[in-house]
């Protein structure tokens, strides 16, 4: 359990890097006739309307800096974007473009945060450096620790922590209802999640606990990596891919770009020997979105399921 926790923390750091990284160029799906990609710009933030709570609850705080990964998204989704005065670098959706980012190179800037005169700061286990947190405590600014989210079920605790801290339980319950009402029929389509960073020679198969397994199982698909591999991320070999025989490959967008797009992907040993590779059945999701496990996950999944179903039917 400690090993998995440590790994997921590392993965969350990688996720933050990917949100702002420009290391990989965009590669088009020139050889795919239909769209098989989800861009973050397509996924709107599901903001809770007043009609769902009966009235707009008054939050306990008026100037909030959200440094915890994805916490600014949740504050905005609850309907309280107006109290945000600073945000984390991973909350990248257009709706938050006007909110200042208070991180640089994944390090919090105490001066920047304090300049906003916050009365509450959301942090998580990755918020650093430690001396910045010491500075906030000395300034007697309340700090609220937000739990990380690495599965669909973890989203509840993350959103609840923020809603409770703000004192807006009705909005929190409405956001929870959006998630709990998400249901999809079962499918026999076999999907494998591959984590690729070709320029760094990283080729991994997602197994049990990868995060993608939670998404795929909720969507009703068979995650053949999670079904057969007990470790979250496993070295990708041709032999292992052939054993799994996935119908569809799920990738992060920059992962596909890093191996030269679809044409480069099928050159990787083992890919051309599996149904997903033979028929070029590949679906990608923006790196900042796929494993974000926040309010946008709901709308992302609603778009992802039909894309996978369509890809699986490609001859």
C-alpha atoms as a PDB file:
ATOM      1  CA  UNK A   1       0.000   0.000   0.000  1.00  0.00           C
ATOM      2  CA  UNK A   2       2.853   2.380   0.833  1.00  0.00           C
ATOM      3  CA  UNK A   3       4.504   1.600  -2.509  1.00  0.00           C
ATOM      4  CA  UNK A   4       1.298   2.308  -4.398  1.00  0.00           C
ATOM      5  CA  UNK A   5       0.734   5.539  -2.468  1.00  0.00           C
ATOM      6  CA  UNK A   6       4.261   6.680  -3.261  1.00  0.00           C
ATOM      7  CA  UNK A   7       3.828   5.789  -6.929  1.00  0.00           C
ATOM      8  CA  UNK A   8       0.534   7.637  -7.222  1.00  0.00           C
ATOM      9  CA  UNK A   9       2.118  10.729  -5.698  1.00  0.00           C
ATOM     10  CA  UNK A  10       4.835  10.525  -8.336  1.00  0.00           C
ATOM     11  CA  UNK A  11       2.170  10.085 -11.017  1.00  0.00           C
ATOM     12  CA  UNK A  12       0.304  13.150  -9.762  1.00  0.00           C
ATOM     13  CA  UNK A  13       3.496  15.189 -10.068  1.00  0.00           C
ATOM     14  CA  UNK A  14       3.924  13.912 -13.633  1.00  0.00           C
ATOM     15  CA  UNK A  15       0.324  14.917 -14.311  1.00  0.00           C
ATOM     16  CA  UNK A  16       0.996  18.489 -13.178  1.00  0.00           C
ATOM     17  CA  UNK A  17       4.082  18.655 -15.391  1.00  0.00           C
ATOM     18  CA  UNK A  18       2.063  17.456 -18.373  1.00  0.00           C
ATOM     19  CA  UNK A  19      -0.535  20.160 -17.824  1.00  0.00           C
ATOM     20  CA  UNK A  20       1.961  22.850 -18.704  1.00  0.00           C
ATOM     21  CA  UNK A  21       4.618  20.967 -20.652  1.00  0.00           C
ATOM     22  CA  UNK A  22       5.421  21.884 -24.187  1.00  0.00           C
ATOM     23  CA  UNK A  23       7.936  19.089 -24.625  1.00  0.00           C
ATOM     24  CA  UNK A  24       5.959  17.171 -27.200  1.00  0.00           C
ATOM     25  CA  UNK A  25       4.649  18.429 -30.492  1.00  0.00           C
ATOM     26  CA  UNK A  26       1.095  17.760 -31.585  1.00  0.00           C
ATOM     27  CA  UNK A  27       0.701  14.961 -34.113  1.00  0.00           C
ATOM     28  CA  UNK A  28      -2.443  14.748 -36.189  1.00  0.00           C
ATOM     29  CA  UNK A  29      -4.397  11.582 -36.871  1.00  0.00           C
ATOM     30  CA  UNK A  30      -3.646  11.773 -40.568  1.00  0.00           C
ATOM     31  CA  UNK A  31      -4.283   8.057 -41.056  1.00  0.00           C
ATOM     32  CA  UNK A  32      -7.532   7.958 -39.111  1.00  0.00           C
ATOM     33  CA  UNK A  33     -10.629   9.022 -41.002  1.00  0.00           C
ATOM     34  CA  UNK A  34     -12.736   9.924 -37.971  1.00  0.00           C
ATOM     35  CA  UNK A  35     -11.999  11.818 -34.790  1.00  0.00           C
ATOM     36  CA  UNK A  36     -10.595   9.647 -32.008  1.00  0.00           C
ATOM     37  CA  UNK A  37      -9.294  12.334 -29.691  1.00  0.00           C
ATOM     38  CA  UNK A  38     -10.645  14.337 -26.762  1.00  0.00           C
ATOM     39  CA  UNK A  39      -9.115  17.768 -26.243  1.00  0.00           C
ATOM     40  CA  UNK A  40      -9.402  19.466 -22.858  1.00  0.00           C
ATOM     41  CA  UNK A  41     -10.899  22.529 -24.559  1.00  0.00           C
ATOM     42  CA  UNK A  42     -13.924  20.418 -25.555  1.00  0.00           C
ATOM     43  CA  UNK A  43     -14.813  19.495 -21.969  1.00  0.00           C
ATOM     44  CA  UNK A  44     -16.764  22.147 -20.114  1.00  0.00           C
ATOM     45  CA  UNK A  45     -16.842  22.555 -16.356  1.00  0.00           C
ATOM     46  CA  UNK A  46     -20.209  21.350 -14.935  1.00  0.00           C
ATOM     47  CA  UNK A  47     -21.056  24.341 -12.714  1.00  0.00           C
ATOM     48  CA  UNK A  48     -23.809  23.768 -10.151  1.00  0.00           C
ATOM     49  CA  UNK A  49     -26.758  26.120 -10.885  1.00  0.00           C
ATOM     50  CA  UNK A  50     -28.764  27.759  -8.110  1.00  0.00           C
ATOM     51  CA  UNK A  51     -31.805  25.727  -9.210  1.00  0.00           C
ATOM     52  CA  UNK A  52     -30.150  22.569  -7.837  1.00  0.00           C
ATOM     53  CA  UNK A  53     -29.553  23.985  -4.342  1.00  0.00           C
ATOM     54  CA  UNK A  54     -32.638  26.170  -3.955  1.00  0.00           C
ATOM     55  CA  UNK A  55     -30.474  29.173  -3.090  1.00  0.00           C
ATOM     56  CA  UNK A  56     -26.861  30.214  -3.331  1.00  0.00           C
ATOM     57  CA  UNK A  57     -25.121  29.277  -0.081  1.00  0.00           C
ATOM     58  CA  UNK A  58     -22.813  31.941   1.310  1.00  0.00           C
ATOM     59  CA  UNK A  59     -19.276  30.541   1.619  1.00  0.00           C
ATOM     60  CA  UNK A  60     -17.302  31.043   4.822  1.00  0.00           C
ATOM     61  CA  UNK A  61     -14.406  32.585   2.917  1.00  0.00           C
ATOM     62  CA  UNK A  62     -14.195  35.382   0.374  1.00  0.00           C
ATOM     63  CA  UNK A  63     -10.624  35.191  -0.961  1.00  0.00           C
ATOM     64  CA  UNK A  64      -9.464  31.659  -1.707  1.00  0.00           C
ATOM     65  CA  UNK A  65      -6.175  30.497  -3.190  1.00  0.00           C
ATOM     66  CA  UNK A  66      -6.536  26.931  -4.502  1.00  0.00           C
ATOM     67  CA  UNK A  67      -3.070  25.331  -4.689  1.00  0.00           C
ATOM     68  CA  UNK A  68      -4.146  21.688  -4.336  1.00  0.00           C
ATOM     69  CA  UNK A  69      -4.074  19.865  -7.662  1.00  0.00           C
ATOM     70  CA  UNK A  70      -7.360  20.561  -9.475  1.00  0.00           C
ATOM     71  CA  UNK A  71      -8.933  22.289  -6.466  1.00  0.00           C
ATOM     72  CA  UNK A  72      -9.671  25.499  -8.379  1.00  0.00           C
ATOM     73  CA  UNK A  73     -11.829  23.456 -10.771  1.00  0.00           C
ATOM     74  CA  UNK A  74     -13.884  22.155  -7.869  1.00  0.00           C
ATOM     75  CA  UNK A  75     -14.379  25.587  -6.295  1.00  0.00           C
ATOM     76  CA  UNK A  76     -15.601  26.885  -9.655  1.00  0.00           C
ATOM     77  CA  UNK A  77     -17.810  23.838 -10.258  1.00  0.00           C
ATOM     78  CA  UNK A  78     -19.461  24.393  -6.885  1.00  0.00           C
ATOM     79  CA  UNK A  79     -20.443  27.818  -8.224  1.00  0.00           C
ATOM     80  CA  UNK A  80     -17.894  29.977  -6.414  1.00  0.00           C
ATOM     81  CA  UNK A  81     -15.388  31.041  -9.032  1.00  0.00           C
ATOM     82  CA  UNK A  82     -15.895  34.612  -7.786  1.00  0.00           C
ATOM     83  CA  UNK A  83     -14.032  33.880  -4.520  1.00  0.00           C
ATOM     84  CA  UNK A  84     -10.956  32.468  -6.273  1.00  0.00           C
ATOM     85  CA  UNK A  85      -8.001  34.856  -6.204  1.00  0.00           C
ATOM     86  CA  UNK A  86      -5.257  32.328  -7.048  1.00  0.00           C
ATOM     87  CA  UNK A  87      -5.042  28.825  -8.493  1.00  0.00           C
ATOM     88  CA  UNK A  88      -2.883  25.781  -9.048  1.00  0.00           C
ATOM     89  CA  UNK A  89      -1.057  25.278 -12.307  1.00  0.00           C
ATOM     90  CA  UNK A  90      -3.049  22.124 -13.181  1.00  0.00           C
ATOM     91  CA  UNK A  91      -6.436  23.888 -13.321  1.00  0.00           C
ATOM     92  CA  UNK A  92      -6.097  24.878 -16.955  1.00  0.00           C
ATOM     93  CA  UNK A  93      -9.638  25.162 -18.322  1.00  0.00           C
ATOM     94  CA  UNK A  94     -10.634  28.423 -20.095  1.00  0.00           C
ATOM     95  CA  UNK A  95     -13.194  29.279 -17.413  1.00  0.00           C
ATOM     96  CA  UNK A  96     -10.333  29.960 -14.990  1.00  0.00           C
ATOM     97  CA  UNK A  97      -8.066  31.898 -17.347  1.00  0.00           C
ATOM     98  CA  UNK A  98      -8.632  35.143 -15.438  1.00  0.00           C
ATOM     99  CA  UNK A  99      -7.496  33.639 -12.107  1.00  0.00           C
ATOM    100  CA  UNK A 100      -3.755  34.155 -11.420  1.00  0.00           C
ATOM    101  CA  UNK A 101      -1.521  31.065 -11.232  1.00  0.00           C
ATOM    102  CA  UNK A 102       0.500  31.068  -8.006  1.00  0.00           C
ATOM    103  CA  UNK A 103       3.039  28.409  -8.960  1.00  0.00           C
ATOM    104  CA  UNK A 104       6.205  28.491 -11.016  1.00  0.00           C
ATOM    105  CA  UNK A 105       8.051  25.313 -11.983  1.00  0.00           C
ATOM    106  CA  UNK A 106       5.774  23.455  -9.523  1.00  0.00           C
ATOM    107  CA  UNK A 107       6.939  25.662  -6.651  1.00  0.00           C
ATOM    108  CA  UNK A 108       4.477  27.891  -4.815  1.00  0.00           C
ATOM    109  CA  UNK A 109       5.390  31.552  -4.705  1.00  0.00           C
ATOM    110  CA  UNK A 110       4.646  32.814  -1.149  1.00  0.00           C
ATOM    111  CA  UNK A 111       4.923  36.422  -2.299  1.00  0.00           C
ATOM    112  CA  UNK A 112       2.408  35.889  -5.071  1.00  0.00           C
ATOM    113  CA  UNK A 113      -0.043  34.095  -2.787  1.00  0.00           C
ATOM    114  CA  UNK A 114       0.207  36.683  -0.014  1.00  0.00           C
ATOM    115  CA  UNK A 115      -0.306  39.524  -2.489  1.00  0.00           C
ATOM    116  CA  UNK A 116      -3.862  38.263  -2.972  1.00  0.00           C
ATOM    117  CA  UNK A 117      -4.608  38.618   0.770  1.00  0.00           C
ATOM    118  CA  UNK A 118      -6.283  35.184   0.954  1.00  0.00           C
ATOM    119  CA  UNK A 119      -8.419  34.119   3.883  1.00  0.00           C
ATOM    120  CA  UNK A 120      -8.134  30.404   2.933  1.00  0.00           C
ATOM    121  CA  UNK A 121      -5.607  28.272   1.045  1.00  0.00           C
ATOM    122  CA  UNK A 122      -6.251  24.763  -0.278  1.00  0.00           C
ATOM    123  CA  UNK A 123      -3.140  22.555  -0.354  1.00  0.00           C
ATOM    124  CA  UNK A 124      -2.332  18.894  -0.943  1.00  0.00           C
ATOM    125  CA  UNK A 125       0.564  16.535  -0.265  1.00  0.00           C
ATOM    126  CA  UNK A 126       2.456  17.877  -3.284  1.00  0.00           C
ATOM    127  CA  UNK A 127       2.234  21.563  -2.357  1.00  0.00           C
ATOM    128  CA  UNK A 128       5.771  22.846  -1.891  1.00  0.00           C
ATOM    129  CA  UNK A 129       8.206  24.180  -0.835  1.00  0.00           C
ATOM    130  CA  UNK A 130       7.735  23.584   2.876  1.00  0.00           C
ATOM    131  CA  UNK A 131       8.947  27.062   3.784  1.00  0.00           C
ATOM    132  CA  UNK A 132       6.059  28.527   1.773  1.00  0.00           C
ATOM    133  CA  UNK A 133       3.583  26.649   3.970  1.00  0.00           C
ATOM    134  CA  UNK A 134       5.470  27.869   7.052  1.00  0.00           C
ATOM    135  CA  UNK A 135       5.100  31.415   5.774  1.00  0.00           C
ATOM    136  CA  UNK A 136       1.343  30.970   5.358  1.00  0.00           C
ATOM    137  CA  UNK A 137       0.984  29.528   8.844  1.00  0.00           C
ATOM    138  CA  UNK A 138       2.956  32.415  10.338  1.00  0.00           C
ATOM    139  CA  UNK A 139       0.571  34.763   8.538  1.00  0.00           C
ATOM    140  CA  UNK A 140      -2.253  32.848  10.282  1.00  0.00           C
ATOM    141  CA  UNK A 141      -3.958  31.952   7.009  1.00  0.00           C
ATOM    142  CA  UNK A 142      -6.069  28.776   7.327  1.00  0.00           C
ATOM    143  CA  UNK A 143      -4.684  25.873   5.302  1.00  0.00           C
ATOM    144  CA  UNK A 144      -6.988  23.021   4.272  1.00  0.00           C
ATOM    145  CA  UNK A 145      -5.424  19.729   3.142  1.00  0.00           C
ATOM    146  CA  UNK A 146      -7.281  18.268   0.157  1.00  0.00           C
ATOM    147  CA  UNK A 147      -6.956  14.498  -0.407  1.00  0.00           C
ATOM    148  CA  UNK A 148      -5.602  13.281  -3.718  1.00  0.00           C
ATOM    149  CA  UNK A 149      -7.863  11.496  -6.195  1.00  0.00           C
ATOM    150  CA  UNK A 150      -6.614   8.481  -8.156  1.00  0.00           C
ATOM    151  CA  UNK A 151      -9.916   6.646  -8.716  1.00  0.00           C
ATOM    152  CA  UNK A 152     -13.513   7.574  -9.470  1.00  0.00           C
ATOM    153  CA  UNK A 153     -14.487   6.951  -5.831  1.00  0.00           C
ATOM    154  CA  UNK A 154     -11.732   9.297  -4.636  1.00  0.00           C
ATOM    155  CA  UNK A 155     -13.475  12.211  -6.351  1.00  0.00           C
ATOM    156  CA  UNK A 156     -16.193  12.197  -3.688  1.00  0.00           C
ATOM    157  CA  UNK A 157     -13.745  12.787  -0.827  1.00  0.00           C
ATOM    158  CA  UNK A 158     -11.866  15.477  -2.732  1.00  0.00           C
ATOM    159  CA  UNK A 159     -14.971  17.443  -3.664  1.00  0.00           C
ATOM    160  CA  UNK A 160     -16.498  16.959  -0.215  1.00  0.00           C
ATOM    161  CA  UNK A 161     -13.382  18.276   1.537  1.00  0.00           C
ATOM    162  CA  UNK A 162     -13.550  21.488  -0.467  1.00  0.00           C
ATOM    163  CA  UNK A 163     -17.319  21.948  -0.151  1.00  0.00           C
ATOM    164  CA  UNK A 164     -17.201  21.378   3.610  1.00  0.00           C
ATOM    165  CA  UNK A 165     -14.291  23.772   4.071  1.00  0.00           C
ATOM    166  CA  UNK A 166     -16.189  26.465   2.204  1.00  0.00           C
ATOM    167  CA  UNK A 167     -19.357  25.740   4.181  1.00  0.00           C
ATOM    168  CA  UNK A 168     -21.491  24.946   1.122  1.00  0.00           C
ATOM    169  CA  UNK A 169     -22.857  21.427   1.754  1.00  0.00           C
ATOM    170  CA  UNK A 170     -25.828  21.759  -0.604  1.00  0.00           C
ATOM    171  CA  UNK A 171     -23.587  22.636  -3.524  1.00  0.00           C
ATOM    172  CA  UNK A 172     -21.307  19.761  -2.523  1.00  0.00           C
ATOM    173  CA  UNK A 173     -24.236  17.338  -2.485  1.00  0.00           C
ATOM    174  CA  UNK A 174     -25.343  18.545  -5.927  1.00  0.00           C
ATOM    175  CA  UNK A 175     -21.851  17.978  -7.313  1.00  0.00           C
ATOM    176  CA  UNK A 176     -21.788  14.511  -5.739  1.00  0.00           C
ATOM    177  CA  UNK A 177     -25.136  13.707  -7.343  1.00  0.00           C
ATOM    178  CA  UNK A 178     -23.692  14.471 -10.791  1.00  0.00           C
ATOM    179  CA  UNK A 179     -21.065  11.816 -10.171  1.00  0.00           C
ATOM    180  CA  UNK A 180     -23.275   9.198  -8.518  1.00  0.00           C
ATOM    181  CA  UNK A 181     -25.800   9.405 -11.374  1.00  0.00           C
ATOM    182  CA  UNK A 182     -23.148   8.365 -13.887  1.00  0.00           C
ATOM    183  CA  UNK A 183     -23.971   4.874 -15.203  1.00  0.00           C
ATOM    184  CA  UNK A 184     -22.947   3.023 -18.347  1.00  0.00           C
ATOM    185  CA  UNK A 185     -23.925  -0.428 -19.706  1.00  0.00           C
ATOM    186  CA  UNK A 186     -21.448  -3.289 -19.673  1.00  0.00           C
ATOM    187  CA  UNK A 187     -19.465  -4.022 -22.813  1.00  0.00           C
ATOM    188  CA  UNK A 188     -17.216  -6.860 -23.936  1.00  0.00           C
ATOM    189  CA  UNK A 189     -14.795  -4.431 -25.599  1.00  0.00           C
ATOM    190  CA  UNK A 190     -11.245  -4.988 -24.324  1.00  0.00           C
ATOM    191  CA  UNK A 191      -9.196  -1.821 -23.773  1.00  0.00           C
ATOM    192  CA  UNK A 192      -5.588  -1.350 -22.714  1.00  0.00           C
ATOM    193  CA  UNK A 193      -4.162   1.910 -21.348  1.00  0.00           C
ATOM    194  CA  UNK A 194      -0.585   2.593 -22.414  1.00  0.00           C
ATOM    195  CA  UNK A 195       1.546   5.288 -20.798  1.00  0.00           C
ATOM    196  CA  UNK A 196       4.088   6.379 -23.397  1.00  0.00           C
ATOM    197  CA  UNK A 197       6.882   8.931 -23.403  1.00  0.00           C
ATOM    198  CA  UNK A 198       8.869   7.972 -26.467  1.00  0.00           C
ATOM    199  CA  UNK A 199      11.450  10.749 -26.143  1.00  0.00           C
ATOM    200  CA  UNK A 200      12.288   9.435 -22.668  1.00  0.00           C
ATOM    201  CA  UNK A 201      12.042   5.755 -23.670  1.00  0.00           C
ATOM    202  CA  UNK A 202       9.150   5.155 -21.289  1.00  0.00           C
ATOM    203  CA  UNK A 203       6.702   2.474 -22.459  1.00  0.00           C
ATOM    204  CA  UNK A 204       4.285   1.187 -19.809  1.00  0.00           C
ATOM    205  CA  UNK A 205       1.111  -0.883 -19.698  1.00  0.00           C
ATOM    206  CA  UNK A 206      -1.491   0.264 -17.210  1.00  0.00           C
ATOM    207  CA  UNK A 207      -2.453  -2.456 -14.760  1.00  0.00           C
ATOM    208  CA  UNK A 208      -4.539  -2.611 -11.616  1.00  0.00           C
ATOM    209  CA  UNK A 209      -4.427   0.767  -9.887  1.00  0.00           C
ATOM    210  CA  UNK A 210      -3.265   2.813 -12.876  1.00  0.00           C
ATOM    211  CA  UNK A 211      -6.200   5.196 -12.521  1.00  0.00           C
ATOM    212  CA  UNK A 212      -7.316   4.440 -16.053  1.00  0.00           C
ATOM    213  CA  UNK A 213      -8.676   1.118 -14.760  1.00  0.00           C
ATOM    214  CA  UNK A 214     -11.192   2.987 -12.622  1.00  0.00           C
ATOM    215  CA  UNK A 215     -12.354   5.034 -15.601  1.00  0.00           C
ATOM    216  CA  UNK A 216     -12.597   2.069 -17.969  1.00  0.00           C
ATOM    217  CA  UNK A 217     -14.476  -0.117 -15.494  1.00  0.00           C
ATOM    218  CA  UNK A 218     -16.948   2.697 -14.789  1.00  0.00           C
ATOM    219  CA  UNK A 219     -17.479   3.058 -18.536  1.00  0.00           C
ATOM    220  CA  UNK A 220     -18.334  -0.647 -18.651  1.00  0.00           C
ATOM    221  CA  UNK A 221     -15.290  -1.815 -20.619  1.00  0.00           C
ATOM    222  CA  UNK A 222     -12.842  -4.619 -19.841  1.00  0.00           C
ATOM    223  CA  UNK A 223      -9.449  -3.191 -18.906  1.00  0.00           C
ATOM    224  CA  UNK A 224      -7.310  -6.134 -19.970  1.00  0.00           C
ATOM    225  CA  UNK A 225      -4.235  -4.574 -18.364  1.00  0.00           C
ATOM    226  CA  UNK A 226      -5.909  -4.314 -14.961  1.00  0.00           C
ATOM    227  CA  UNK A 227      -7.427  -7.774 -15.361  1.00  0.00           C
ATOM    228  CA  UNK A 228      -4.070  -9.438 -15.964  1.00  0.00           C
ATOM    229  CA  UNK A 229      -1.455  -7.190 -14.367  1.00  0.00           C
ATOM    230  CA  UNK A 230      -1.462  -6.580 -10.610  1.00  0.00           C
ATOM    231  CA  UNK A 231       0.966  -3.644 -10.656  1.00  0.00           C
ATOM    232  CA  UNK A 232      -0.230  -0.148 -11.609  1.00  0.00           C
ATOM    233  CA  UNK A 233       2.335   0.331 -14.384  1.00  0.00           C
ATOM    234  CA  UNK A 234       4.276  -2.458 -16.075  1.00  0.00           C
ATOM    235  CA  UNK A 235       7.083  -2.584 -18.622  1.00  0.00           C
ATOM    236  CA  UNK A 236       5.574  -2.881 -22.085  1.00  0.00           C
ATOM    237  CA  UNK A 237       6.795  -5.863 -24.085  1.00  0.00           C
ATOM    238  CA  UNK A 238       5.592  -7.389 -27.333  1.00  0.00           C
ATOM    239  CA  UNK A 239       4.893 -10.657 -25.517  1.00  0.00           C
ATOM    240  CA  UNK A 240       2.688  -8.979 -22.915  1.00  0.00           C
ATOM    241  CA  UNK A 241       0.731  -7.019 -25.503  1.00  0.00           C
ATOM    242  CA  UNK A 242       0.071 -10.149 -27.542  1.00  0.00           C
ATOM    243  CA  UNK A 243      -1.189 -11.920 -24.415  1.00  0.00           C
ATOM    244  CA  UNK A 244      -3.642  -9.097 -23.685  1.00  0.00           C
ATOM    245  CA  UNK A 245      -5.087  -8.853 -27.239  1.00  0.00           C
ATOM    246  CA  UNK A 246      -6.872  -5.517 -26.681  1.00  0.00           C
ATOM    247  CA  UNK A 247      -9.506  -4.289 -29.121  1.00  0.00           C
ATOM    248  CA  UNK A 248      -8.708  -0.621 -28.427  1.00  0.00           C
ATOM    249  CA  UNK A 249      -5.696   1.281 -27.099  1.00  0.00           C
ATOM    250  CA  UNK A 250      -6.266   4.269 -24.806  1.00  0.00           C
ATOM    251  CA  UNK A 251      -3.482   6.856 -24.699  1.00  0.00           C
ATOM    252  CA  UNK A 252      -2.749  10.355 -23.498  1.00  0.00           C
ATOM    253  CA  UNK A 253      -2.492  12.752 -26.442  1.00  0.00           C
ATOM    254  CA  UNK A 254       1.128  13.742 -25.825  1.00  0.00           C
ATOM    255  CA  UNK A 255       2.017  10.100 -25.357  1.00  0.00           C
ATOM    256  CA  UNK A 256       0.920   9.350 -28.902  1.00  0.00           C
ATOM    257  CA  UNK A 257       2.721  12.427 -30.216  1.00  0.00           C
ATOM    258  CA  UNK A 258       5.916  11.354 -28.443  1.00  0.00           C
ATOM    259  CA  UNK A 259       6.151   8.144 -30.485  1.00  0.00           C
ATOM    260  CA  UNK A 260       5.496   9.799 -33.835  1.00  0.00           C
ATOM    261  CA  UNK A 261       1.724   9.593 -33.941  1.00  0.00           C
ATOM    262  CA  UNK A 262      -0.284   6.620 -35.114  1.00  0.00           C
ATOM    263  CA  UNK A 263       2.248   5.615 -37.750  1.00  0.00           C
ATOM    264  CA  UNK A 264       5.000   5.589 -35.138  1.00  0.00           C
ATOM    265  CA  UNK A 265       2.857   3.703 -32.641  1.00  0.00           C
ATOM    266  CA  UNK A 266       2.296   0.706 -34.913  1.00  0.00           C
ATOM    267  CA  UNK A 267       6.064   0.398 -35.346  1.00  0.00           C
ATOM    268  CA  UNK A 268       6.511  -0.386 -31.646  1.00  0.00           C
ATOM    269  CA  UNK A 269       7.100  -4.139 -31.140  1.00  0.00           C
ATOM    270  CA  UNK A 270       3.858  -5.951 -30.409  1.00  0.00           C
ATOM    271  CA  UNK A 271       1.437  -3.204 -31.467  1.00  0.00           C
ATOM    272  CA  UNK A 272       1.044  -4.509 -35.007  1.00  0.00           C
ATOM    273  CA  UNK A 273       0.281  -8.000 -33.635  1.00  0.00           C
ATOM    274  CA  UNK A 274      -2.801  -7.036 -31.608  1.00  0.00           C
ATOM    275  CA  UNK A 275      -6.313  -6.206 -32.889  1.00  0.00           C
ATOM    276  CA  UNK A 276      -6.041  -2.583 -31.703  1.00  0.00           C
ATOM    277  CA  UNK A 277      -2.829  -2.097 -33.675  1.00  0.00           C
ATOM    278  CA  UNK A 278      -3.825  -4.073 -36.768  1.00  0.00           C
ATOM    279  CA  UNK A 279      -6.986  -1.983 -37.175  1.00  0.00           C
ATOM    280  CA  UNK A 280      -5.468   1.232 -35.755  1.00  0.00           C
ATOM    281  CA  UNK A 281      -8.077   1.446 -33.032  1.00  0.00           C
ATOM    282  CA  UNK A 282      -6.607   4.176 -30.872  1.00  0.00           C
ATOM    283  CA  UNK A 283      -8.328   6.769 -28.713  1.00  0.00           C
ATOM    284  CA  UNK A 284      -6.483   9.608 -27.014  1.00  0.00           C
ATOM    285  CA  UNK A 285      -7.443  12.015 -24.243  1.00  0.00           C
ATOM    286  CA  UNK A 286      -5.709  15.247 -23.320  1.00  0.00           C
ATOM    287  CA  UNK A 287      -2.953  14.627 -20.766  1.00  0.00           C
ATOM    288  CA  UNK A 288      -4.333  17.238 -18.371  1.00  0.00           C
ATOM    289  CA  UNK A 289      -7.759  15.605 -18.405  1.00  0.00           C
ATOM    290  CA  UNK A 290      -7.631  11.800 -18.537  1.00  0.00           C
ATOM    291  CA  UNK A 291      -6.489  11.165 -14.941  1.00  0.00           C
ATOM    292  CA  UNK A 292      -7.514  14.513 -13.456  1.00  0.00           C
ATOM    293  CA  UNK A 293     -10.367  12.948 -11.405  1.00  0.00           C
ATOM    294  CA  UNK A 294     -12.327  16.134 -10.882  1.00  0.00           C
ATOM    295  CA  UNK A 295     -15.554  17.804 -12.025  1.00  0.00           C
ATOM    296  CA  UNK A 296     -14.664  17.582 -15.727  1.00  0.00           C
ATOM    297  CA  UNK A 297     -14.217  13.808 -15.501  1.00  0.00           C
ATOM    298  CA  UNK A 298     -17.977  13.323 -15.873  1.00  0.00           C
ATOM    299  CA  UNK A 299     -18.252  15.135 -19.207  1.00  0.00           C
ATOM    300  CA  UNK A 300     -14.992  13.599 -20.380  1.00  0.00           C
ATOM    301  CA  UNK A 301     -16.348  10.087 -19.797  1.00  0.00           C
ATOM    302  CA  UNK A 302     -19.565  10.862 -21.646  1.00  0.00           C
ATOM    303  CA  UNK A 303     -17.461  11.684 -24.697  1.00  0.00           C
ATOM    304  CA  UNK A 304     -14.943   8.901 -24.190  1.00  0.00           C
ATOM    305  CA  UNK A 305     -17.341   5.950 -24.206  1.00  0.00           C
ATOM    306  CA  UNK A 306     -18.786   6.485 -27.705  1.00  0.00           C
ATOM    307  CA  UNK A 307     -15.279   7.110 -29.072  1.00  0.00           C
ATOM    308  CA  UNK A 308     -14.072   3.760 -27.749  1.00  0.00           C
ATOM    309  CA  UNK A 309     -17.176   1.965 -29.005  1.00  0.00           C
ATOM    310  CA  UNK A 310     -16.698   3.538 -32.439  1.00  0.00           C
ATOM    311  CA  UNK A 311     -13.006   2.699 -32.513  1.00  0.00           C
ATOM    312  CA  UNK A 312     -13.718  -0.931 -31.573  1.00  0.00           C
ATOM    313  CA  UNK A 313     -16.017  -1.272 -34.582  1.00  0.00           C
ATOM    314  CA  UNK A 314     -13.376   0.002 -37.011  1.00  0.00           C
ATOM    315  CA  UNK A 315     -12.551  -2.799 -39.502  1.00  0.00           C
END
